[in-house]
Amino acid sequence: MILTGCGHAGIVNLVRHAQKVTGIQRLYGVLGGLHLRSGPIVDRTIDESAAEAPQVVVPAHCTSWAAQQALATRLPDAFLPNSVGSTFLLGAGI
């Protein structure tokens, strides 16, 4: 699981760096600010993220409404909406 506050470096770059540092290639999910607004970078980021097949995607504060909608459309089984006060229980068997 990748947790990010405001992913200025880009979520794809953050995932790749975590994979390199940990040696773990499987991405369970991402939760936090994806720093996505609009334009071609949104589609490119979603394409590369979808290739990782995350089970959970929870975009937060610095992810535009349009980017959140695109994530929900492209990754409907993984997408979870987020708002102030949201609680997420993650783990095996939960």
PDB file of N, CA and C in Angstrom:
ATOM      1  N   MET A   1       0.858  -1.176   0.000  1.00  0.00           N
ATOM      2  CA  MET A   1       0.000   0.000   0.000  1.00  0.00           C
ATOM      3  C   MET A   1       0.897   1.229   0.000  1.00  0.00           C
ATOM      4  N   ILE A   2       0.601   2.131  -0.884  1.00  0.00           N
ATOM      5  CA  ILE A   2       1.300   3.412  -0.937  1.00  0.00           C
ATOM      6  C   ILE A   2       0.384   4.461  -0.316  1.00  0.00           C
ATOM      7  N   LEU A   3       0.866   5.149   0.702  1.00  0.00           N
ATOM      8  CA  LEU A   3       0.144   6.267   1.318  1.00  0.00           C
ATOM      9  C   LEU A   3       0.891   7.538   0.960  1.00  0.00           C
ATOM     10  N   THR A   4       0.170   8.514   0.452  1.00  0.00           N
ATOM     11  CA  THR A   4       0.813   9.758   0.064  1.00  0.00           C
ATOM     12  C   THR A   4      -0.017  10.946   0.530  1.00  0.00           C
ATOM     13  N   GLY A   5       0.675  12.006   0.937  1.00  0.00           N
ATOM     14  CA  GLY A   5      -0.021  13.231   1.324  1.00  0.00           C
ATOM     15  C   GLY A   5      -0.432  13.986   0.080  1.00  0.00           C
ATOM     16  N   CYS A   6       0.533  14.492  -0.621  1.00  0.00           N
ATOM     17  CA  CYS A   6       0.318  15.185  -1.887  1.00  0.00           C
ATOM     18  C   CYS A   6       1.418  14.705  -2.814  1.00  0.00           C
ATOM     19  N   GLY A   7       1.062  13.821  -3.722  1.00  0.00           N
ATOM     20  CA  GLY A   7       2.046  13.134  -4.552  1.00  0.00           C
ATOM     21  C   GLY A   7       2.623  13.983  -5.659  1.00  0.00           C
ATOM     22  N   HIS A   8       3.374  15.018  -5.298  1.00  0.00           N
ATOM     23  CA  HIS A   8       3.953  15.917  -6.300  1.00  0.00           C
ATOM     24  C   HIS A   8       4.825  15.189  -7.313  1.00  0.00           C
ATOM     25  N   ALA A   9       5.503  14.148  -6.879  1.00  0.00           N
ATOM     26  CA  ALA A   9       6.392  13.419  -7.791  1.00  0.00           C
ATOM     27  C   ALA A   9       5.607  12.583  -8.797  1.00  0.00           C
ATOM     28  N   GLY A  10       4.312  12.427  -8.556  1.00  0.00           N
ATOM     29  CA  GLY A  10       3.481  11.594  -9.424  1.00  0.00           C
ATOM     30  C   GLY A  10       3.346  10.210  -8.831  1.00  0.00           C
ATOM     31  N   ILE A  11       2.135   9.691  -8.793  1.00  0.00           N
ATOM     32  CA  ILE A  11       1.893   8.403  -8.149  1.00  0.00           C
ATOM     33  C   ILE A  11       2.634   7.274  -8.851  1.00  0.00           C
ATOM     34  N   VAL A  12       2.774   7.333 -10.149  1.00  0.00           N
ATOM     35  CA  VAL A  12       3.504   6.290 -10.870  1.00  0.00           C
ATOM     36  C   VAL A  12       4.967   6.293 -10.431  1.00  0.00           C
ATOM     37  N   ASN A  13       5.561   7.460 -10.328  1.00  0.00           N
ATOM     38  CA  ASN A  13       6.949   7.553  -9.870  1.00  0.00           C
ATOM     39  C   ASN A  13       7.090   7.073  -8.431  1.00  0.00           C
ATOM     40  N   LEU A  14       6.128   7.422  -7.578  1.00  0.00           N
ATOM     41  CA  LEU A  14       6.172   6.985  -6.183  1.00  0.00           C
ATOM     42  C   LEU A  14       6.063   5.467  -6.078  1.00  0.00           C
ATOM     43  N   VAL A  15       5.178   4.877  -6.851  1.00  0.00           N
ATOM     44  CA  VAL A  15       5.018   3.420  -6.834  1.00  0.00           C
ATOM     45  C   VAL A  15       6.302   2.751  -7.308  1.00  0.00           C
ATOM     46  N   ARG A  16       6.848   3.222  -8.400  1.00  0.00           N
ATOM     47  CA  ARG A  16       8.078   2.613  -8.933  1.00  0.00           C
ATOM     48  C   ARG A  16       9.235   2.731  -7.946  1.00  0.00           C
ATOM     49  N   HIS A  17       9.335   3.880  -7.284  1.00  0.00           N
ATOM     50  CA  HIS A  17      10.406   4.050  -6.297  1.00  0.00           C
ATOM     51  C   HIS A  17      10.210   3.091  -5.124  1.00  0.00           C
ATOM     52  N   ALA A  18       8.988   2.972  -4.638  1.00  0.00           N
ATOM     53  CA  ALA A  18       8.706   2.046  -3.535  1.00  0.00           C
ATOM     54  C   ALA A  18       9.017   0.605  -3.936  1.00  0.00           C
ATOM     55  N   GLN A  19       8.685   0.237  -5.156  1.00  0.00           N
ATOM     56  CA  GLN A  19       8.981  -1.108  -5.634  1.00  0.00           C
ATOM     57  C   GLN A  19      10.483  -1.352  -5.665  1.00  0.00           C
ATOM     58  N   LYS A  20      11.227  -0.353  -6.102  1.00  0.00           N
ATOM     59  CA  LYS A  20      12.683  -0.471  -6.173  1.00  0.00           C
ATOM     60  C   LYS A  20      13.289  -0.583  -4.772  1.00  0.00           C
ATOM     61  N   VAL A  21      12.840   0.256  -3.851  1.00  0.00           N
ATOM     62  CA  VAL A  21      13.397   0.293  -2.502  1.00  0.00           C
ATOM     63  C   VAL A  21      13.050  -0.971  -1.714  1.00  0.00           C
ATOM     64  N   THR A  22      11.804  -1.438  -1.842  1.00  0.00           N
ATOM     65  CA  THR A  22      11.356  -2.582  -1.040  1.00  0.00           C
ATOM     66  C   THR A  22      11.599  -3.924  -1.713  1.00  0.00           C
ATOM     67  N   GLY A  23      11.699  -3.918  -3.029  1.00  0.00           N
ATOM     68  CA  GLY A  23      11.802  -5.173  -3.762  1.00  0.00           C
ATOM     69  C   GLY A  23      10.457  -5.860  -3.940  1.00  0.00           C
ATOM     70  N   ILE A  24       9.393  -5.229  -3.482  1.00  0.00           N
ATOM     71  CA  ILE A  24       8.038  -5.779  -3.613  1.00  0.00           C
ATOM     72  C   ILE A  24       7.402  -5.180  -4.865  1.00  0.00           C
ATOM     73  N   GLN A  25       7.058  -6.031  -5.797  1.00  0.00           N
ATOM     74  CA  GLN A  25       6.514  -5.550  -7.060  1.00  0.00           C
ATOM     75  C   GLN A  25       4.998  -5.424  -7.053  1.00  0.00           C
ATOM     76  N   ARG A  26       4.324  -6.235  -6.259  1.00  0.00           N
ATOM     77  CA  ARG A  26       2.862  -6.231  -6.213  1.00  0.00           C
ATOM     78  C   ARG A  26       2.356  -4.985  -5.509  1.00  0.00           C
ATOM     79  N   LEU A  27       1.488  -4.241  -6.161  1.00  0.00           N
ATOM     80  CA  LEU A  27       0.888  -3.038  -5.575  1.00  0.00           C
ATOM     81  C   LEU A  27      -0.504  -3.379  -5.075  1.00  0.00           C
ATOM     82  N   TYR A  28      -0.698  -3.334  -3.765  1.00  0.00           N
ATOM     83  CA  TYR A  28      -2.022  -3.572  -3.199  1.00  0.00           C
ATOM     84  C   TYR A  28      -2.937  -2.386  -3.485  1.00  0.00           C
ATOM     85  N   GLY A  29      -2.433  -1.166  -3.248  1.00  0.00           N
ATOM     86  CA  GLY A  29      -3.264  -0.001  -3.495  1.00  0.00           C
ATOM     87  C   GLY A  29      -2.562   1.304  -3.216  1.00  0.00           C
ATOM     88  N   VAL A  30      -3.279   2.391  -3.502  1.00  0.00           N
ATOM     89  CA  VAL A  30      -2.784   3.741  -3.230  1.00  0.00           C
ATOM     90  C   VAL A  30      -3.878   4.515  -2.510  1.00  0.00           C
ATOM     91  N   LEU A  31      -3.458   5.307  -1.545  1.00  0.00           N
ATOM     92  CA  LEU A  31      -4.389   6.120  -0.781  1.00  0.00           C
ATOM     93  C   LEU A  31      -3.734   7.458  -0.517  1.00  0.00           C
ATOM     94  N   GLY A  32      -4.370   8.526  -0.953  1.00  0.00           N
ATOM     95  CA  GLY A  32      -3.846   9.858  -0.679  1.00  0.00           C
ATOM     96  C   GLY A  32      -3.926  10.766  -1.879  1.00  0.00           C
ATOM     97  N   GLY A  33      -3.267  11.894  -1.749  1.00  0.00           N
ATOM     98  CA  GLY A  33      -3.256  12.886  -2.805  1.00  0.00           C
ATOM     99  C   GLY A  33      -2.451  12.419  -3.997  1.00  0.00           C
ATOM    100  N   LEU A  34      -3.071  12.374  -5.150  1.00  0.00           N
ATOM    101  CA  LEU A  34      -2.396  11.904  -6.364  1.00  0.00           C
ATOM    102  C   LEU A  34      -1.869  13.050  -7.217  1.00  0.00           C
ATOM    103  N   HIS A  35      -2.127  14.265  -6.823  1.00  0.00           N
ATOM    104  CA  HIS A  35      -1.649  15.463  -7.517  1.00  0.00           C
ATOM    105  C   HIS A  35      -1.988  15.415  -9.009  1.00  0.00           C
ATOM    106  N   LEU A  36      -3.238  15.083  -9.303  1.00  0.00           N
ATOM    107  CA  LEU A  36      -3.725  15.020 -10.680  1.00  0.00           C
ATOM    108  C   LEU A  36      -4.799  16.069 -10.877  1.00  0.00           C
ATOM    109  N   ARG A  37      -4.672  16.852 -11.910  1.00  0.00           N
ATOM    110  CA  ARG A  37      -5.664  17.886 -12.190  1.00  0.00           C
ATOM    111  C   ARG A  37      -6.422  17.570 -13.475  1.00  0.00           C
ATOM    112  N   SER A  38      -5.783  17.845 -14.614  1.00  0.00           N
ATOM    113  CA  SER A  38      -6.448  17.645 -15.902  1.00  0.00           C
ATOM    114  C   SER A  38      -5.395  17.452 -16.980  1.00  0.00           C
ATOM    115  N   GLY A  39      -5.868  17.162 -18.172  1.00  0.00           N
ATOM    116  CA  GLY A  39      -4.978  17.023 -19.310  1.00  0.00           C
ATOM    117  C   GLY A  39      -4.519  15.597 -19.543  1.00  0.00           C
ATOM    118  N   PRO A  40      -3.617  15.436 -20.505  1.00  0.00           N
ATOM    119  CA  PRO A  40      -3.173  14.097 -20.909  1.00  0.00           C
ATOM    120  C   PRO A  40      -2.473  13.320 -19.793  1.00  0.00           C
ATOM    121  N   ILE A  41      -1.916  14.012 -18.828  1.00  0.00           N
ATOM    122  CA  ILE A  41      -1.219  13.322 -17.736  1.00  0.00           C
ATOM    123  C   ILE A  41      -2.190  12.468 -16.922  1.00  0.00           C
ATOM    124  N   VAL A  42      -3.448  12.880 -16.850  1.00  0.00           N
ATOM    125  CA  VAL A  42      -4.439  12.098 -16.093  1.00  0.00           C
ATOM    126  C   VAL A  42      -4.633  10.735 -16.762  1.00  0.00           C
ATOM    127  N   ASP A  43      -4.874  10.726 -18.058  1.00  0.00           N
ATOM    128  CA  ASP A  43      -5.077   9.460 -18.772  1.00  0.00           C
ATOM    129  C   ASP A  43      -3.825   8.594 -18.722  1.00  0.00           C
ATOM    130  N   ARG A  44      -2.679   9.193 -18.901  1.00  0.00           N
ATOM    131  CA  ARG A  44      -1.417   8.444 -18.865  1.00  0.00           C
ATOM    132  C   ARG A  44      -1.200   7.828 -17.486  1.00  0.00           C
ATOM    133  N   THR A  45      -1.451   8.611 -16.440  1.00  0.00           N
ATOM    134  CA  THR A  45      -1.279   8.120 -15.074  1.00  0.00           C
ATOM    135  C   THR A  45      -2.247   6.979 -14.784  1.00  0.00           C
ATOM    136  N   ILE A  46      -3.489   7.119 -15.218  1.00  0.00           N
ATOM    137  CA  ILE A  46      -4.474   6.061 -14.992  1.00  0.00           C
ATOM    138  C   ILE A  46      -4.112   4.806 -15.777  1.00  0.00           C
ATOM    139  N   ASP A  47      -3.650   4.967 -17.010  1.00  0.00           N
ATOM    140  CA  ASP A  47      -3.221   3.807 -17.802  1.00  0.00           C
ATOM    141  C   ASP A  47      -2.108   3.047 -17.089  1.00  0.00           C
ATOM    142  N   GLU A  48      -1.106   3.777 -16.616  1.00  0.00           N
ATOM    143  CA  GLU A  48       0.036   3.125 -15.961  1.00  0.00           C
ATOM    144  C   GLU A  48      -0.361   2.556 -14.602  1.00  0.00           C
ATOM    145  N   SER A  49      -1.263   3.222 -13.911  1.00  0.00           N
ATOM    146  CA  SER A  49      -1.745   2.716 -12.621  1.00  0.00           C
ATOM    147  C   SER A  49      -2.581   1.458 -12.813  1.00  0.00           C
ATOM    148  N   ALA A  50      -3.441   1.452 -13.819  1.00  0.00           N
ATOM    149  CA  ALA A  50      -4.285   0.288 -14.091  1.00  0.00           C
ATOM    150  C   ALA A  50      -3.436  -0.935 -14.426  1.00  0.00           C
ATOM    151  N   ALA A  51      -2.306  -0.722 -15.067  1.00  0.00           N
ATOM    152  CA  ALA A  51      -1.405  -1.827 -15.407  1.00  0.00           C
ATOM    153  C   ALA A  51      -0.867  -2.518 -14.153  1.00  0.00           C
ATOM    154  N   GLU A  52      -0.834  -1.803 -13.032  1.00  0.00           N
ATOM    155  CA  GLU A  52      -0.379  -2.377 -11.756  1.00  0.00           C
ATOM    156  C   GLU A  52      -1.480  -3.186 -11.079  1.00  0.00           C
ATOM    157  N   ALA A  53      -2.712  -3.077 -11.561  1.00  0.00           N
ATOM    158  CA  ALA A  53      -3.884  -3.801 -11.035  1.00  0.00           C
ATOM    159  C   ALA A  53      -4.061  -3.650  -9.526  1.00  0.00           C
ATOM    160  N   PRO A  54      -4.126  -2.410  -9.032  1.00  0.00           N
ATOM    161  CA  PRO A  54      -4.324  -2.237  -7.589  1.00  0.00           C
ATOM    162  C   PRO A  54      -5.713  -2.702  -7.163  1.00  0.00           C
ATOM    163  N   GLN A  55      -5.814  -3.203  -5.948  1.00  0.00           N
ATOM    164  CA  GLN A  55      -7.102  -3.618  -5.411  1.00  0.00           C
ATOM    165  C   GLN A  55      -7.849  -2.443  -4.800  1.00  0.00           C
ATOM    166  N   VAL A  56      -7.108  -1.409  -4.387  1.00  0.00           N
ATOM    167  CA  VAL A  56      -7.694  -0.250  -3.710  1.00  0.00           C
ATOM    168  C   VAL A  56      -7.078   1.027  -4.277  1.00  0.00           C
ATOM    169  N   VAL A  57      -7.926   1.977  -4.662  1.00  0.00           N
ATOM    170  CA  VAL A  57      -7.476   3.301  -5.097  1.00  0.00           C
ATOM    171  C   VAL A  57      -8.363   4.328  -4.398  1.00  0.00           C
ATOM    172  N   VAL A  58      -7.742   5.139  -3.544  1.00  0.00           N
ATOM    173  CA  VAL A  58      -8.478   6.149  -2.783  1.00  0.00           C
ATOM    174  C   VAL A  58      -7.815   7.506  -3.018  1.00  0.00           C
ATOM    175  N   PRO A  59      -8.295   8.264  -4.001  1.00  0.00           N
ATOM    176  CA  PRO A  59      -7.719   9.577  -4.253  1.00  0.00           C
ATOM    177  C   PRO A  59      -8.155  10.576  -3.184  1.00  0.00           C
ATOM    178  N   ALA A  60      -7.256  11.499  -2.863  1.00  0.00           N
ATOM    179  CA  ALA A  60      -7.555  12.481  -1.814  1.00  0.00           C
ATOM    180  C   ALA A  60      -7.420  13.901  -2.339  1.00  0.00           C
ATOM    181  N   HIS A  61      -7.146  14.809  -1.460  1.00  0.00           N
ATOM    182  CA  HIS A  61      -7.329  16.253  -1.624  1.00  0.00           C
ATOM    183  C   HIS A  61      -6.776  16.885  -2.890  1.00  0.00           C
ATOM    184  N   CYS A  62      -5.645  16.497  -3.383  1.00  0.00           N
ATOM    185  CA  CYS A  62      -5.082  17.176  -4.560  1.00  0.00           C
ATOM    186  C   CYS A  62      -5.343  16.395  -5.842  1.00  0.00           C
ATOM    187  N   THR A  63      -6.448  15.665  -5.849  1.00  0.00           N
ATOM    188  CA  THR A  63      -6.881  14.944  -7.037  1.00  0.00           C
ATOM    189  C   THR A  63      -8.194  15.582  -7.480  1.00  0.00           C
ATOM    190  N   SER A  64      -8.188  16.172  -8.650  1.00  0.00           N
ATOM    191  CA  SER A  64      -9.376  16.898  -9.117  1.00  0.00           C
ATOM    192  C   SER A  64     -10.582  15.977  -9.243  1.00  0.00           C
ATOM    193  N   TRP A  65     -11.747  16.590  -9.262  1.00  0.00           N
ATOM    194  CA  TRP A  65     -12.994  15.844  -9.443  1.00  0.00           C
ATOM    195  C   TRP A  65     -12.955  15.074 -10.764  1.00  0.00           C
ATOM    196  N   ALA A  66     -12.457  15.716 -11.822  1.00  0.00           N
ATOM    197  CA  ALA A  66     -12.380  15.056 -13.129  1.00  0.00           C
ATOM    198  C   ALA A  66     -11.458  13.836 -13.070  1.00  0.00           C
ATOM    199  N   ALA A  67     -10.330  13.973 -12.393  1.00  0.00           N
ATOM    200  CA  ALA A  67      -9.403  12.848 -12.269  1.00  0.00           C
ATOM    201  C   ALA A  67     -10.017  11.732 -11.424  1.00  0.00           C
ATOM    202  N   GLN A  68     -10.748  12.094 -10.375  1.00  0.00           N
ATOM    203  CA  GLN A  68     -11.410  11.086  -9.556  1.00  0.00           C
ATOM    204  C   GLN A  68     -12.458  10.325 -10.372  1.00  0.00           C
ATOM    205  N   GLN A  69     -13.213  11.041 -11.187  1.00  0.00           N
ATOM    206  CA  GLN A  69     -14.220  10.399 -12.028  1.00  0.00           C
ATOM    207  C   GLN A  69     -13.570   9.460 -13.037  1.00  0.00           C
ATOM    208  N   ALA A  70     -12.445   9.884 -13.604  1.00  0.00           N
ATOM    209  CA  ALA A  70     -11.725   9.041 -14.558  1.00  0.00           C
ATOM    210  C   ALA A  70     -11.205   7.777 -13.873  1.00  0.00           C
ATOM    211  N   LEU A  71     -10.696   7.916 -12.645  1.00  0.00           N
ATOM    212  CA  LEU A  71     -10.234   6.751 -11.888  1.00  0.00           C
ATOM    213  C   LEU A  71     -11.397   5.804 -11.580  1.00  0.00           C
ATOM    214  N   ALA A  72     -12.519   6.363 -11.173  1.00  0.00           N
ATOM    215  CA  ALA A  72     -13.696   5.550 -10.849  1.00  0.00           C
ATOM    216  C   ALA A  72     -14.201   4.792 -12.079  1.00  0.00           C
ATOM    217  N   THR A  73     -14.138   5.436 -13.233  1.00  0.00           N
ATOM    218  CA  THR A  73     -14.593   4.808 -14.474  1.00  0.00           C
ATOM    219  C   THR A  73     -13.645   3.701 -14.910  1.00  0.00           C
ATOM    220  N   ARG A  74     -12.352   3.971 -14.820  1.00  0.00           N
ATOM    221  CA  ARG A  74     -11.340   3.027 -15.310  1.00  0.00           C
ATOM    222  C   ARG A  74     -11.070   1.888 -14.328  1.00  0.00           C
ATOM    223  N   LEU A  75     -11.174   2.169 -13.026  1.00  0.00           N
ATOM    224  CA  LEU A  75     -10.871   1.169 -11.995  1.00  0.00           C
ATOM    225  C   LEU A  75     -12.059   1.028 -11.039  1.00  0.00           C
ATOM    226  N   PRO A  76     -13.231   0.662 -11.563  1.00  0.00           N
ATOM    227  CA  PRO A  76     -14.439   0.676 -10.730  1.00  0.00           C
ATOM    228  C   PRO A  76     -14.398  -0.273  -9.534  1.00  0.00           C
ATOM    229  N   ASP A  77     -13.720  -1.391  -9.647  1.00  0.00           N
ATOM    230  CA  ASP A  77     -13.669  -2.339  -8.543  1.00  0.00           C
ATOM    231  C   ASP A  77     -12.671  -1.926  -7.461  1.00  0.00           C
ATOM    232  N   ALA A  78     -11.716  -1.078  -7.816  1.00  0.00           N
ATOM    233  CA  ALA A  78     -10.686  -0.648  -6.861  1.00  0.00           C
ATOM    234  C   ALA A  78     -10.990   0.718  -6.248  1.00  0.00           C
ATOM    235  N   PHE A  79     -11.723   1.553  -6.967  1.00  0.00           N
ATOM    236  CA  PHE A  79     -11.963   2.930  -6.541  1.00  0.00           C
ATOM    237  C   PHE A  79     -12.830   3.002  -5.288  1.00  0.00           C
ATOM    238  N   LEU A  80     -12.368   3.768  -4.307  1.00  0.00           N
ATOM    239  CA  LEU A  80     -13.154   4.067  -3.116  1.00  0.00           C
ATOM    240  C   LEU A  80     -13.177   5.576  -2.937  1.00  0.00           C
ATOM    241  N   PRO A  81     -14.358   6.172  -2.819  1.00  0.00           N
ATOM    242  CA  PRO A  81     -14.427   7.625  -2.612  1.00  0.00           C
ATOM    243  C   PRO A  81     -13.882   7.988  -1.230  1.00  0.00           C
ATOM    244  N   ASN A  82     -13.427   9.201  -1.111  1.00  0.00           N
ATOM    245  CA  ASN A  82     -12.800   9.673   0.115  1.00  0.00           C
ATOM    246  C   ASN A  82     -13.354  11.043   0.466  1.00  0.00           C
ATOM    247  N   SER A  83     -13.559  11.277   1.740  1.00  0.00           N
ATOM    248  CA  SER A  83     -13.948  12.607   2.215  1.00  0.00           C
ATOM    249  C   SER A  83     -13.475  12.760   3.650  1.00  0.00           C
ATOM    250  N   VAL A  84     -13.625  13.942   4.182  1.00  0.00           N
ATOM    251  CA  VAL A  84     -13.225  14.187   5.559  1.00  0.00           C
ATOM    252  C   VAL A  84     -13.944  13.192   6.463  1.00  0.00           C
ATOM    253  N   GLY A  85     -13.190  12.540   7.312  1.00  0.00           N
ATOM    254  CA  GLY A  85     -13.758  11.582   8.245  1.00  0.00           C
ATOM    255  C   GLY A  85     -13.854  10.161   7.742  1.00  0.00           C
ATOM    256  N   SER A  86     -13.439   9.926   6.484  1.00  0.00           N
ATOM    257  CA  SER A  86     -13.471   8.563   5.956  1.00  0.00           C
ATOM    258  C   SER A  86     -12.544   7.667   6.762  1.00  0.00           C
ATOM    259  N   THR A  87     -12.955   6.423   6.932  1.00  0.00           N
ATOM    260  CA  THR A  87     -12.139   5.421   7.602  1.00  0.00           C
ATOM    261  C   THR A  87     -12.004   4.221   6.672  1.00  0.00           C
ATOM    262  N   PHE A  88     -10.791   3.727   6.549  1.00  0.00           N
ATOM    263  CA  PHE A  88     -10.532   2.570   5.702  1.00  0.00           C
ATOM    264  C   PHE A  88      -9.833   1.504   6.522  1.00  0.00           C
ATOM    265  N   LEU A  89     -10.382   0.297   6.506  1.00  0.00           N
ATOM    266  CA  LEU A  89      -9.766  -0.844   7.168  1.00  0.00           C
ATOM    267  C   LEU A  89      -9.167  -1.717   6.085  1.00  0.00           C
ATOM    268  N   LEU A  90      -7.857  -1.867   6.115  1.00  0.00           N
ATOM    269  CA  LEU A  90      -7.154  -2.615   5.083  1.00  0.00           C
ATOM    270  C   LEU A  90      -6.431  -3.780   5.721  1.00  0.00           C
ATOM    271  N   GLY A  91      -6.489  -4.909   5.073  1.00  0.00           N
ATOM    272  CA  GLY A  91      -5.746  -6.047   5.585  1.00  0.00           C
ATOM    273  C   GLY A  91      -6.364  -7.352   5.140  1.00  0.00           C
ATOM    274  N   ALA A  92      -5.651  -8.415   5.390  1.00  0.00           N
ATOM    275  CA  ALA A  92      -6.112  -9.741   5.015  1.00  0.00           C
ATOM    276  C   ALA A  92      -7.340 -10.113   5.813  1.00  0.00           C
ATOM    277  N   GLY A  93      -8.332 -10.613   5.125  1.00  0.00           N
ATOM    278  CA  GLY A  93      -9.523 -11.108   5.780  1.00  0.00           C
ATOM    279  C   GLY A  93     -10.502 -10.056   6.253  1.00  0.00           C
ATOM    280  N   ILE A  94     -10.254  -8.815   5.948  1.00  0.00           N
ATOM    281  CA  ILE A  94     -11.167  -7.753   6.391  1.00  0.00           C
ATOM    282  C   ILE A  94     -12.189  -7.491   5.307  1.00  0.00           C
TER     283      ILE A  94
END
